[in-house]
C-alpha atoms as a PDB file:
ATOM      1  CA  MET A   1       0.000   0.000   0.000  1.00  0.00           C
ATOM      2  CA  SER A   2       1.260   3.464  -0.902  1.00  0.00           C
ATOM      3  CA  ILE A   3       0.364   6.583   1.057  1.00  0.00           C
ATOM      4  CA  LEU A   4       0.243  10.102  -0.369  1.00  0.00           C
ATOM      5  CA  ASP A   5       0.379  12.970   2.140  1.00  0.00           C
ATOM      6  CA  ILE A   6      -0.567  16.121   0.247  1.00  0.00           C
ATOM      7  CA  GLY A   7      -0.205  19.524   1.896  1.00  0.00           C
ATOM      8  CA  LEU A   8      -2.941  21.919   0.834  1.00  0.00           C
ATOM      9  CA  PRO A   9      -1.941  25.481  -0.077  1.00  0.00           C
ATOM     10  CA  THR A  10      -3.785  28.304   1.646  1.00  0.00           C
ATOM     11  CA  GLY A  11      -7.190  28.910   0.074  1.00  0.00           C
ATOM     12  CA  PHE A  12      -7.525  25.468  -1.520  1.00  0.00           C
ATOM     13  CA  THR A  13     -10.207  22.976  -0.508  1.00  0.00           C
ATOM     14  CA  VAL A  14     -10.730  19.289  -1.158  1.00  0.00           C
ATOM     15  CA  ASN A  15     -13.515  18.153  -3.491  1.00  0.00           C
ATOM     16  CA  THR A  16     -14.834  15.228  -1.452  1.00  0.00           C
ATOM     17  CA  ALA A  17     -17.358  14.223  -4.135  1.00  0.00           C
ATOM     18  CA  ASP A  18     -14.519  13.439  -6.547  1.00  0.00           C
ATOM     19  CA  LEU A  19     -12.593  11.544  -3.876  1.00  0.00           C
ATOM     20  CA  ASP A  20     -15.710   9.549  -2.971  1.00  0.00           C
ATOM     21  CA  SER A  21     -16.199   8.521  -6.597  1.00  0.00           C
ATOM     22  CA  LEU A  22     -12.524   7.498  -6.852  1.00  0.00           C
ATOM     23  CA  SER A  23     -12.772   5.338  -3.727  1.00  0.00           C
ATOM     24  CA  LYS A  24     -15.974   3.461  -4.621  1.00  0.00           C
ATOM     25  CA  GLY A  25     -17.231   1.310  -7.429  1.00  0.00           C
ATOM     26  CA  LYS A  26     -15.738  -1.266  -9.735  1.00  0.00           C
ATOM     27  CA  ALA A  27     -12.898   0.902 -11.056  1.00  0.00           C
ATOM     28  CA  ARG A  28     -11.739   1.974  -7.605  1.00  0.00           C
ATOM     29  CA  ASN A  29      -8.525   3.994  -7.865  1.00  0.00           C
ATOM     30  CA  ILE A  30      -7.897   4.769  -4.189  1.00  0.00           C
ATOM     31  CA  ALA A  31      -8.445   2.610  -1.107  1.00  0.00           C
ATOM     32  CA  LYS A  32      -9.497   5.492   1.160  1.00  0.00           C
ATOM     33  CA  TYR A  33      -8.724   9.089   2.011  1.00  0.00           C
ATOM     34  CA  GLU A  34      -8.767  11.293   5.061  1.00  0.00           C
ATOM     35  CA  MET A  35      -8.353  14.977   5.713  1.00  0.00           C
ATOM     36  CA  ASN A  36      -6.112  15.986   8.586  1.00  0.00           C
ATOM     37  CA  THR A  37      -5.710  19.441  10.119  1.00  0.00           C
ATOM     38  CA  VAL A  38      -3.763  18.289  13.177  1.00  0.00           C
ATOM     39  CA  LEU A  39      -0.444  17.852  11.350  1.00  0.00           C
ATOM     40  CA  SER A  40      -0.323  21.398   9.992  1.00  0.00           C
ATOM     41  CA  GLU A  41      -2.310  24.624  10.145  1.00  0.00           C
ATOM     42  CA  ARG A  42      -3.133  24.484   6.431  1.00  0.00           C
ATOM     43  CA  GLY A  43      -4.332  20.917   6.544  1.00  0.00           C
ATOM     44  CA  SER A  44      -3.366  17.905   4.535  1.00  0.00           C
ATOM     45  CA  LEU A  45      -5.041  15.264   2.447  1.00  0.00           C
ATOM     46  CA  ILE A  46      -3.906  11.678   2.976  1.00  0.00           C
ATOM     47  CA  ILE A  47      -4.696   9.229   0.172  1.00  0.00           C
ATOM     48  CA  TYR A  48      -4.154   5.475   0.511  1.00  0.00           C
ATOM     49  CA  LEU A  49      -3.482   3.559  -2.717  1.00  0.00           C
ATOM     50  CA  ASP A  50      -3.851  -0.210  -3.052  1.00  0.00           C
ATOM     51  CA  LYS A  51      -1.650  -0.538  -6.124  1.00  0.00           C
END
C-alpha cells in the first residue's frame, strides 16, 4: 500500500465528491482518504493507494 500525504496550499479545498467517486465502485482507484488538520495549520489530504 502506498500513502500520499498532500499539503494543501492556503485557500484550496478538497472536493470530497470526486474523492468519494474514486474510492468506490468497480474501477476503484484509491483505497481510502482522510483529511487531517492536526499535522499542519493548512491541513493535509492523505490518500491510501492499493496498487
